[in-house]
Amino acid sequence: MHARHALVVGVVTAVAGALATVGADQLPKLFEEPPPGCPGAGCDGKSPKDSGCAYDATTWEPKEGNPVRIHLRYSKSCGAVWGRIVNGEPGDMVTLRVSGGAARSASIDYRHDKYTTMATVGPTFRVRLCAVPMTGPRRTVTWVKYCFEATEHVPWE
């Protein structure tokens, strides 16, 4: 028992010593995500997760009448938006159209969620996001196409 305790104390001491050699101003950076690799137009059409844009993203989800919980996601640092469907079924689709800009869509392949690739936006924007149900005999919950529009002024969470 004493040997195991000594080993744990030794490991903790080594880790603490290593952290002490890192400057105090560098310590918070050890736990931060790296900045996005594609700010602005470079993010257009890319994955928000793979690019690092999902890290600082905020979400807007309408609480009323949202049958499959679609979210509009926005990364200010990347200057991009994307859509996400959270509670759908395979075949359900999420579509996003930036007014005067790009359109994106994605279908659920398996499980219950999917997100689109990103669409670049400026400091002011208007986006239309829709959830489109698949049709077919395997559908377990029936609902109709659901859409909403949002701007940079919605109450982002």
N, C-alpha and C. Protein backbone atom coordinates (compact mmCIF):
# COMPACT_ATOMS: atom_id res chain seq x y z
N MET A 1 0.82 -1.20 0.00
CA MET A 1 0.00 0.00 0.00
C MET A 1 0.86 1.25 0.00
N HIS A 2 1.98 1.24 0.76
CA HIS A 2 2.84 2.40 0.84
C HIS A 2 3.53 2.68 -0.49
N ALA A 3 3.87 1.63 -1.21
CA ALA A 3 4.52 1.82 -2.51
C ALA A 3 3.58 2.49 -3.50
N ARG A 4 2.32 2.08 -3.50
CA ARG A 4 1.33 2.69 -4.40
C ARG A 4 1.12 4.15 -4.04
N HIS A 5 1.04 4.44 -2.75
CA HIS A 5 0.88 5.82 -2.28
C HIS A 5 2.08 6.67 -2.71
N ALA A 6 3.26 6.12 -2.56
CA ALA A 6 4.47 6.84 -2.97
C ALA A 6 4.48 7.10 -4.47
N LEU A 7 4.00 6.12 -5.25
CA LEU A 7 3.94 6.29 -6.70
C LEU A 7 2.98 7.41 -7.08
N VAL A 8 1.82 7.43 -6.45
CA VAL A 8 0.83 8.49 -6.73
C VAL A 8 1.40 9.85 -6.36
N VAL A 9 2.02 9.95 -5.20
CA VAL A 9 2.62 11.22 -4.77
C VAL A 9 3.70 11.64 -5.75
N GLY A 10 4.50 10.69 -6.22
CA GLY A 10 5.56 11.00 -7.18
C GLY A 10 5.01 11.52 -8.49
N VAL A 11 3.95 10.89 -9.00
CA VAL A 11 3.34 11.33 -10.27
C VAL A 11 2.75 12.72 -10.10
N VAL A 12 2.02 12.94 -9.02
CA VAL A 12 1.41 14.26 -8.78
C VAL A 12 2.50 15.32 -8.66
N THR A 13 3.56 15.02 -7.98
CA THR A 13 4.66 15.98 -7.83
C THR A 13 5.31 16.29 -9.17
N ALA A 14 5.48 15.27 -10.01
CA ALA A 14 6.08 15.49 -11.33
C ALA A 14 5.18 16.36 -12.20
N VAL A 15 3.88 16.09 -12.18
CA VAL A 15 2.94 16.90 -12.98
C VAL A 15 2.92 18.33 -12.46
N ALA A 16 2.87 18.50 -11.16
CA ALA A 16 2.86 19.85 -10.58
C ALA A 16 4.14 20.58 -10.93
N GLY A 17 5.25 19.90 -10.90
CA GLY A 17 6.52 20.53 -11.27
C GLY A 17 6.54 20.95 -12.72
N ALA A 18 6.00 20.10 -13.59
CA ALA A 18 5.96 20.45 -15.01
C ALA A 18 5.08 21.66 -15.25
N LEU A 19 3.94 21.71 -14.56
CA LEU A 19 3.05 22.86 -14.71
C LEU A 19 3.68 24.13 -14.16
N ALA A 20 4.48 23.99 -13.11
CA ALA A 20 5.13 25.16 -12.52
C ALA A 20 6.15 25.77 -13.46
N THR A 21 6.73 24.95 -14.34
CA THR A 21 7.71 25.48 -15.29
C THR A 21 7.06 26.26 -16.41
N VAL A 22 5.76 26.04 -16.62
CA VAL A 22 5.02 26.81 -17.62
C VAL A 22 4.70 28.16 -16.99
N GLY A 23 4.94 29.22 -17.69
CA GLY A 23 4.66 30.55 -17.15
C GLY A 23 3.20 30.68 -16.75
N ALA A 24 2.93 31.46 -15.72
CA ALA A 24 1.57 31.63 -15.24
C ALA A 24 0.64 32.16 -16.32
N ASP A 25 1.16 32.98 -17.23
CA ASP A 25 0.32 33.50 -18.30
C ASP A 25 0.03 32.45 -19.36
N GLN A 26 0.79 31.37 -19.40
CA GLN A 26 0.60 30.30 -20.38
C GLN A 26 -0.37 29.23 -19.89
N LEU A 27 -0.56 29.09 -18.58
CA LEU A 27 -1.38 28.03 -18.03
C LEU A 27 -2.79 28.00 -18.58
N PRO A 28 -3.52 29.14 -18.65
CA PRO A 28 -4.87 29.08 -19.21
C PRO A 28 -4.87 28.59 -20.67
N LYS A 29 -3.83 28.86 -21.42
CA LYS A 29 -3.79 28.46 -22.81
C LYS A 29 -3.70 26.95 -22.99
N LEU A 30 -3.25 26.24 -21.95
CA LEU A 30 -3.19 24.79 -22.03
C LEU A 30 -4.56 24.17 -22.17
N PHE A 31 -5.59 24.86 -21.68
CA PHE A 31 -6.94 24.32 -21.65
C PHE A 31 -7.86 24.95 -22.68
N GLU A 32 -7.37 25.84 -23.50
CA GLU A 32 -8.19 26.50 -24.51
C GLU A 32 -8.13 25.72 -25.82
N GLU A 33 -9.22 25.85 -26.58
CA GLU A 33 -9.23 25.31 -27.93
C GLU A 33 -8.40 26.22 -28.81
N PRO A 34 -7.77 25.68 -29.84
CA PRO A 34 -7.04 26.56 -30.76
C PRO A 34 -8.01 27.45 -31.52
N PRO A 35 -7.53 28.58 -32.03
CA PRO A 35 -8.42 29.44 -32.80
C PRO A 35 -8.86 28.72 -34.08
N PRO A 36 -10.01 29.11 -34.63
CA PRO A 36 -10.48 28.44 -35.84
C PRO A 36 -9.47 28.57 -36.97
N GLY A 37 -9.42 27.56 -37.80
CA GLY A 37 -8.46 27.54 -38.89
C GLY A 37 -8.99 28.14 -40.18
N CYS A 38 -10.16 28.75 -40.14
CA CYS A 38 -10.74 29.22 -41.40
C CYS A 38 -11.60 30.46 -41.24
N PRO A 39 -11.17 31.52 -40.59
CA PRO A 39 -12.08 32.64 -40.40
C PRO A 39 -12.56 33.24 -41.72
N GLY A 40 -13.80 33.73 -41.69
CA GLY A 40 -14.37 34.39 -42.87
C GLY A 40 -14.71 33.44 -43.99
N ALA A 41 -14.48 33.90 -45.21
CA ALA A 41 -14.86 33.12 -46.40
C ALA A 41 -14.16 31.77 -46.46
N GLY A 42 -13.04 31.62 -45.77
CA GLY A 42 -12.35 30.34 -45.75
C GLY A 42 -13.14 29.24 -45.07
N CYS A 43 -14.16 29.58 -44.29
CA CYS A 43 -14.98 28.59 -43.60
C CYS A 43 -16.13 28.07 -44.46
N ASP A 44 -16.44 28.76 -45.52
CA ASP A 44 -17.60 28.42 -46.34
C ASP A 44 -17.53 26.98 -46.84
N GLY A 45 -18.56 26.20 -46.51
CA GLY A 45 -18.64 24.81 -46.96
C GLY A 45 -17.87 23.82 -46.12
N LYS A 46 -17.22 24.27 -45.06
CA LYS A 46 -16.43 23.37 -44.21
C LYS A 46 -17.24 22.90 -43.00
N SER A 47 -16.74 21.86 -42.37
CA SER A 47 -17.35 21.32 -41.16
C SER A 47 -17.07 22.24 -39.98
N PRO A 48 -18.09 22.63 -39.22
CA PRO A 48 -17.84 23.48 -38.05
C PRO A 48 -17.03 22.76 -36.98
N LYS A 49 -17.20 21.48 -36.88
CA LYS A 49 -16.47 20.71 -35.87
C LYS A 49 -14.99 20.58 -36.25
N ASP A 50 -14.72 20.18 -37.48
CA ASP A 50 -13.34 19.96 -37.91
C ASP A 50 -12.53 21.25 -37.99
N SER A 51 -13.19 22.37 -38.22
CA SER A 51 -12.49 23.65 -38.37
C SER A 51 -12.26 24.37 -37.04
N GLY A 52 -12.90 23.91 -35.99
CA GLY A 52 -12.78 24.58 -34.69
C GLY A 52 -13.84 25.64 -34.46
N CYS A 53 -14.72 25.86 -35.42
CA CYS A 53 -15.74 26.90 -35.28
C CYS A 53 -16.85 26.54 -34.29
N ALA A 54 -17.04 25.26 -34.04
CA ALA A 54 -18.08 24.84 -33.09
C ALA A 54 -17.71 25.21 -31.66
N TYR A 55 -16.42 25.44 -31.40
CA TYR A 55 -15.95 25.72 -30.05
C TYR A 55 -16.60 26.96 -29.44
N ASP A 56 -16.68 28.05 -30.20
CA ASP A 56 -17.25 29.28 -29.65
C ASP A 56 -18.66 29.56 -30.15
N ALA A 57 -19.27 28.57 -30.79
CA ALA A 57 -20.58 28.79 -31.41
C ALA A 57 -21.68 29.00 -30.37
N THR A 58 -22.63 29.83 -30.76
CA THR A 58 -23.83 30.03 -29.96
C THR A 58 -25.00 29.42 -30.73
N THR A 59 -26.08 29.17 -30.03
CA THR A 59 -27.22 28.45 -30.61
C THR A 59 -28.48 29.26 -30.44
N TRP A 60 -29.34 29.18 -31.44
CA TRP A 60 -30.70 29.67 -31.30
C TRP A 60 -31.62 28.54 -31.68
N GLU A 61 -32.51 28.19 -30.75
CA GLU A 61 -33.49 27.13 -30.96
C GLU A 61 -34.86 27.66 -30.61
N PRO A 62 -35.75 27.76 -31.59
CA PRO A 62 -37.12 28.17 -31.26
C PRO A 62 -37.75 27.15 -30.32
N LYS A 63 -38.39 27.63 -29.28
CA LYS A 63 -38.98 26.73 -28.28
C LYS A 63 -40.39 26.29 -28.65
N GLU A 64 -41.08 27.06 -29.46
CA GLU A 64 -42.47 26.76 -29.83
C GLU A 64 -42.54 26.10 -31.20
N GLY A 65 -43.29 25.02 -31.32
CA GLY A 65 -43.59 24.40 -32.60
C GLY A 65 -42.40 23.78 -33.33
N ASN A 66 -41.34 23.50 -32.66
CA ASN A 66 -40.12 22.97 -33.27
C ASN A 66 -40.15 21.44 -33.11
N PRO A 67 -40.70 20.71 -34.08
CA PRO A 67 -41.00 19.29 -33.87
C PRO A 67 -39.79 18.37 -33.72
N VAL A 68 -38.66 18.74 -34.27
CA VAL A 68 -37.48 17.87 -34.22
C VAL A 68 -36.25 18.59 -33.67
N ARG A 69 -36.49 19.71 -33.02
CA ARG A 69 -35.43 20.51 -32.42
C ARG A 69 -34.33 20.87 -33.42
N ILE A 70 -34.64 21.79 -34.32
CA ILE A 70 -33.58 22.29 -35.19
C ILE A 70 -32.96 23.51 -34.52
N HIS A 71 -31.66 23.62 -34.70
CA HIS A 71 -30.87 24.71 -34.13
C HIS A 71 -30.18 25.48 -35.23
N LEU A 72 -30.12 26.77 -35.07
CA LEU A 72 -29.25 27.60 -35.89
C LEU A 72 -28.02 27.88 -35.05
N ARG A 73 -26.84 27.55 -35.57
CA ARG A 73 -25.58 27.74 -34.85
C ARG A 73 -24.80 28.87 -35.54
N TYR A 74 -24.12 29.69 -34.73
CA TYR A 74 -23.40 30.85 -35.25
C TYR A 74 -22.06 30.98 -34.54
N SER A 75 -21.01 31.07 -35.31
CA SER A 75 -19.68 31.34 -34.77
C SER A 75 -19.27 32.74 -35.23
N LYS A 76 -19.22 33.65 -34.29
CA LYS A 76 -18.83 35.03 -34.61
C LYS A 76 -17.37 35.07 -35.06
N SER A 77 -16.50 34.32 -34.39
CA SER A 77 -15.08 34.34 -34.76
C SER A 77 -14.84 33.78 -36.16
N CYS A 78 -15.68 32.87 -36.60
CA CYS A 78 -15.54 32.29 -37.95
C CYS A 78 -16.37 33.05 -38.98
N GLY A 79 -17.34 33.85 -38.52
CA GLY A 79 -18.21 34.56 -39.45
C GLY A 79 -19.05 33.59 -40.26
N ALA A 80 -19.61 32.56 -39.58
CA ALA A 80 -20.34 31.52 -40.29
C ALA A 80 -21.50 31.00 -39.46
N VAL A 81 -22.50 30.45 -40.16
CA VAL A 81 -23.66 29.81 -39.54
C VAL A 81 -23.80 28.41 -40.11
N TRP A 82 -24.51 27.56 -39.38
CA TRP A 82 -24.87 26.24 -39.89
C TRP A 82 -26.12 25.78 -39.16
N GLY A 83 -26.79 24.81 -39.73
CA GLY A 83 -28.01 24.27 -39.15
C GLY A 83 -27.76 22.90 -38.56
N ARG A 84 -28.55 22.57 -37.56
CA ARG A 84 -28.43 21.25 -36.92
C ARG A 84 -29.82 20.74 -36.58
N ILE A 85 -30.07 19.49 -36.89
CA ILE A 85 -31.30 18.82 -36.49
C ILE A 85 -30.91 17.83 -35.40
N VAL A 86 -31.63 17.86 -34.28
CA VAL A 86 -31.21 17.11 -33.11
C VAL A 86 -32.07 15.87 -32.83
N ASN A 87 -33.35 15.92 -33.16
CA ASN A 87 -34.25 14.85 -32.75
C ASN A 87 -35.04 14.30 -33.93
N GLY A 88 -34.36 14.05 -35.05
CA GLY A 88 -35.03 13.55 -36.23
C GLY A 88 -34.89 12.05 -36.38
N GLU A 89 -35.19 11.58 -37.58
CA GLU A 89 -35.06 10.17 -37.93
C GLU A 89 -34.25 10.08 -39.21
N PRO A 90 -33.66 8.92 -39.48
CA PRO A 90 -32.91 8.78 -40.73
C PRO A 90 -33.77 9.19 -41.93
N GLY A 91 -33.19 10.02 -42.77
CA GLY A 91 -33.89 10.55 -43.94
C GLY A 91 -34.38 11.98 -43.74
N ASP A 92 -34.59 12.40 -42.50
CA ASP A 92 -34.99 13.79 -42.24
C ASP A 92 -33.84 14.70 -42.65
N MET A 93 -34.19 15.91 -43.07
CA MET A 93 -33.20 16.83 -43.60
C MET A 93 -33.27 18.18 -42.89
N VAL A 94 -32.12 18.82 -42.77
CA VAL A 94 -32.04 20.19 -42.29
C VAL A 94 -31.48 21.02 -43.45
N THR A 95 -32.14 22.15 -43.74
CA THR A 95 -31.69 23.03 -44.82
C THR A 95 -31.47 24.43 -44.27
N LEU A 96 -30.50 25.11 -44.84
CA LEU A 96 -30.14 26.46 -44.42
C LEU A 96 -29.94 27.31 -45.65
N ARG A 97 -30.49 28.52 -45.65
CA ARG A 97 -30.27 29.46 -46.75
C ARG A 97 -29.99 30.82 -46.17
N VAL A 98 -28.82 31.37 -46.51
CA VAL A 98 -28.45 32.72 -46.09
C VAL A 98 -29.01 33.67 -47.14
N SER A 99 -29.76 34.68 -46.69
CA SER A 99 -30.32 35.65 -47.63
C SER A 99 -29.19 36.31 -48.42
N GLY A 100 -29.25 36.19 -49.74
CA GLY A 100 -28.22 36.74 -50.60
C GLY A 100 -26.92 35.96 -50.59
N GLY A 101 -26.96 34.75 -50.04
CA GLY A 101 -25.73 33.96 -49.92
C GLY A 101 -25.95 32.50 -50.21
N ALA A 102 -25.21 31.67 -49.52
CA ALA A 102 -25.16 30.24 -49.77
C ALA A 102 -26.35 29.49 -49.18
N ALA A 103 -26.54 28.28 -49.69
CA ALA A 103 -27.52 27.34 -49.17
C ALA A 103 -26.80 26.04 -48.82
N ARG A 104 -27.22 25.42 -47.75
CA ARG A 104 -26.63 24.15 -47.31
C ARG A 104 -27.75 23.21 -46.89
N SER A 105 -27.51 21.91 -47.00
CA SER A 105 -28.46 20.92 -46.50
C SER A 105 -27.72 19.66 -46.09
N ALA A 106 -28.36 18.90 -45.22
CA ALA A 106 -27.80 17.64 -44.76
C ALA A 106 -28.94 16.72 -44.34
N SER A 107 -28.81 15.43 -44.63
CA SER A 107 -29.80 14.43 -44.25
C SER A 107 -29.22 13.51 -43.18
N ILE A 108 -30.08 13.11 -42.27
CA ILE A 108 -29.66 12.17 -41.23
C ILE A 108 -29.47 10.80 -41.88
N ASP A 109 -28.29 10.23 -41.70
CA ASP A 109 -28.01 8.90 -42.22
C ASP A 109 -28.42 7.82 -41.21
N TYR A 110 -28.10 8.04 -39.98
CA TYR A 110 -28.44 7.11 -38.89
C TYR A 110 -28.51 7.94 -37.61
N ARG A 111 -29.00 7.36 -36.58
CA ARG A 111 -29.24 8.02 -35.30
C ARG A 111 -30.29 9.11 -35.45
N HIS A 112 -30.11 10.25 -34.72
CA HIS A 112 -31.17 11.26 -34.69
C HIS A 112 -30.71 12.68 -34.96
N ASP A 113 -29.44 12.87 -35.30
CA ASP A 113 -28.97 14.25 -35.48
C ASP A 113 -28.02 14.36 -36.66
N LYS A 114 -27.88 15.61 -37.14
CA LYS A 114 -27.00 15.90 -38.26
C LYS A 114 -26.85 17.41 -38.34
N TYR A 115 -25.70 17.87 -38.84
CA TYR A 115 -25.53 19.31 -39.03
C TYR A 115 -25.03 19.56 -40.46
N THR A 116 -25.32 20.77 -40.95
CA THR A 116 -24.88 21.16 -42.28
C THR A 116 -23.44 21.66 -42.21
N THR A 117 -22.84 21.83 -43.36
CA THR A 117 -21.57 22.54 -43.40
C THR A 117 -21.87 24.03 -43.21
N MET A 118 -20.83 24.81 -43.05
CA MET A 118 -21.01 26.23 -42.73
C MET A 118 -21.27 27.09 -43.96
N ALA A 119 -21.97 28.18 -43.72
CA ALA A 119 -22.19 29.21 -44.73
C ALA A 119 -21.69 30.53 -44.14
N THR A 120 -20.87 31.24 -44.89
CA THR A 120 -20.31 32.50 -44.43
C THR A 120 -21.39 33.57 -44.32
N VAL A 121 -21.29 34.38 -43.25
CA VAL A 121 -22.19 35.52 -43.08
C VAL A 121 -21.37 36.74 -42.69
N GLY A 122 -21.93 37.91 -42.91
CA GLY A 122 -21.29 39.15 -42.48
C GLY A 122 -21.75 39.52 -41.09
N PRO A 123 -21.44 40.73 -40.63
CA PRO A 123 -21.85 41.15 -39.30
C PRO A 123 -23.37 41.27 -39.16
N THR A 124 -24.07 41.51 -40.25
CA THR A 124 -25.54 41.47 -40.26
C THR A 124 -25.95 40.41 -41.26
N PHE A 125 -26.95 39.62 -40.90
CA PHE A 125 -27.38 38.53 -41.78
C PHE A 125 -28.82 38.14 -41.49
N ARG A 126 -29.42 37.45 -42.45
CA ARG A 126 -30.75 36.84 -42.31
C ARG A 126 -30.62 35.42 -42.85
N VAL A 127 -31.11 34.46 -42.06
CA VAL A 127 -31.00 33.05 -42.41
C VAL A 127 -32.36 32.39 -42.30
N ARG A 128 -32.66 31.49 -43.22
CA ARG A 128 -33.87 30.66 -43.15
C ARG A 128 -33.41 29.22 -42.92
N LEU A 129 -33.92 28.61 -41.86
CA LEU A 129 -33.56 27.24 -41.50
C LEU A 129 -34.83 26.40 -41.50
N CYS A 130 -34.75 25.22 -42.10
CA CYS A 130 -35.92 24.34 -42.19
C CYS A 130 -35.56 22.91 -41.81
N ALA A 131 -36.53 22.21 -41.25
CA ALA A 131 -36.46 20.77 -41.03
C ALA A 131 -37.48 20.15 -41.98
N VAL A 132 -37.04 19.19 -42.76
CA VAL A 132 -37.90 18.55 -43.75
C VAL A 132 -37.99 17.06 -43.42
N PRO A 133 -39.22 16.56 -43.14
CA PRO A 133 -39.33 15.15 -42.78
C PRO A 133 -39.20 14.24 -43.99
N MET A 134 -38.62 13.09 -43.79
CA MET A 134 -38.62 12.09 -44.85
C MET A 134 -40.01 11.46 -44.88
N THR A 135 -40.37 10.95 -46.00
CA THR A 135 -41.66 10.28 -46.10
C THR A 135 -41.40 8.80 -46.31
N GLY A 136 -42.27 8.00 -45.81
CA GLY A 136 -42.10 6.57 -45.99
C GLY A 136 -42.76 5.78 -44.88
N PRO A 137 -42.87 4.49 -45.09
CA PRO A 137 -43.58 3.63 -44.13
C PRO A 137 -42.85 3.45 -42.80
N ARG A 138 -41.55 3.73 -42.75
CA ARG A 138 -40.80 3.52 -41.50
C ARG A 138 -40.82 4.73 -40.58
N ARG A 139 -41.51 5.76 -40.99
CA ARG A 139 -41.61 6.98 -40.18
C ARG A 139 -42.33 6.66 -38.87
N THR A 140 -41.77 7.03 -37.73
CA THR A 140 -42.42 6.73 -36.44
C THR A 140 -43.21 7.91 -35.90
N VAL A 141 -42.79 9.14 -36.22
CA VAL A 141 -43.49 10.34 -35.77
C VAL A 141 -43.80 11.19 -36.99
N THR A 142 -45.05 11.60 -37.12
CA THR A 142 -45.46 12.40 -38.27
C THR A 142 -45.43 13.88 -37.90
N TRP A 143 -44.85 14.69 -38.78
CA TRP A 143 -44.82 16.14 -38.63
C TRP A 143 -44.66 16.75 -40.01
N VAL A 144 -44.89 18.03 -40.11
CA VAL A 144 -44.78 18.72 -41.39
C VAL A 144 -43.53 19.58 -41.40
N LYS A 145 -43.11 19.96 -42.59
CA LYS A 145 -41.93 20.81 -42.75
C LYS A 145 -42.04 22.01 -41.81
N TYR A 146 -40.95 22.29 -41.13
CA TYR A 146 -40.92 23.38 -40.15
C TYR A 146 -39.77 24.32 -40.50
N CYS A 147 -40.05 25.62 -40.61
CA CYS A 147 -39.02 26.61 -40.95
C CYS A 147 -39.11 27.81 -40.02
N PHE A 148 -38.00 28.51 -39.89
CA PHE A 148 -37.99 29.79 -39.20
C PHE A 148 -36.88 30.65 -39.80
N GLU A 149 -36.99 31.95 -39.58
CA GLU A 149 -35.95 32.88 -40.02
C GLU A 149 -35.33 33.52 -38.79
N ALA A 150 -34.05 33.85 -38.92
CA ALA A 150 -33.33 34.47 -37.81
C ALA A 150 -32.31 35.45 -38.36
N THR A 151 -31.89 36.37 -37.51
CA THR A 151 -30.85 37.34 -37.84
C THR A 151 -29.80 37.32 -36.73
N GLU A 152 -28.84 38.18 -36.85
CA GLU A 152 -27.82 38.28 -35.80
C GLU A 152 -28.41 38.79 -34.48
N HIS A 153 -29.65 39.27 -34.49
CA HIS A 153 -30.28 39.85 -33.31
C HIS A 153 -31.09 38.87 -32.48
N VAL A 154 -31.18 37.59 -32.86
CA VAL A 154 -31.96 36.65 -32.04
C VAL A 154 -31.24 36.43 -30.72
N PRO A 155 -31.94 35.95 -29.70
CA PRO A 155 -31.30 35.73 -28.39
C PRO A 155 -30.43 34.47 -28.38
N TRP A 156 -29.21 34.60 -28.84
CA TRP A 156 -28.28 33.47 -28.91
C TRP A 156 -27.95 32.96 -27.53
N GLU A 157 -27.86 31.66 -27.39
CA GLU A 157 -27.52 31.03 -26.10
C GLU A 157 -26.14 30.47 -26.15
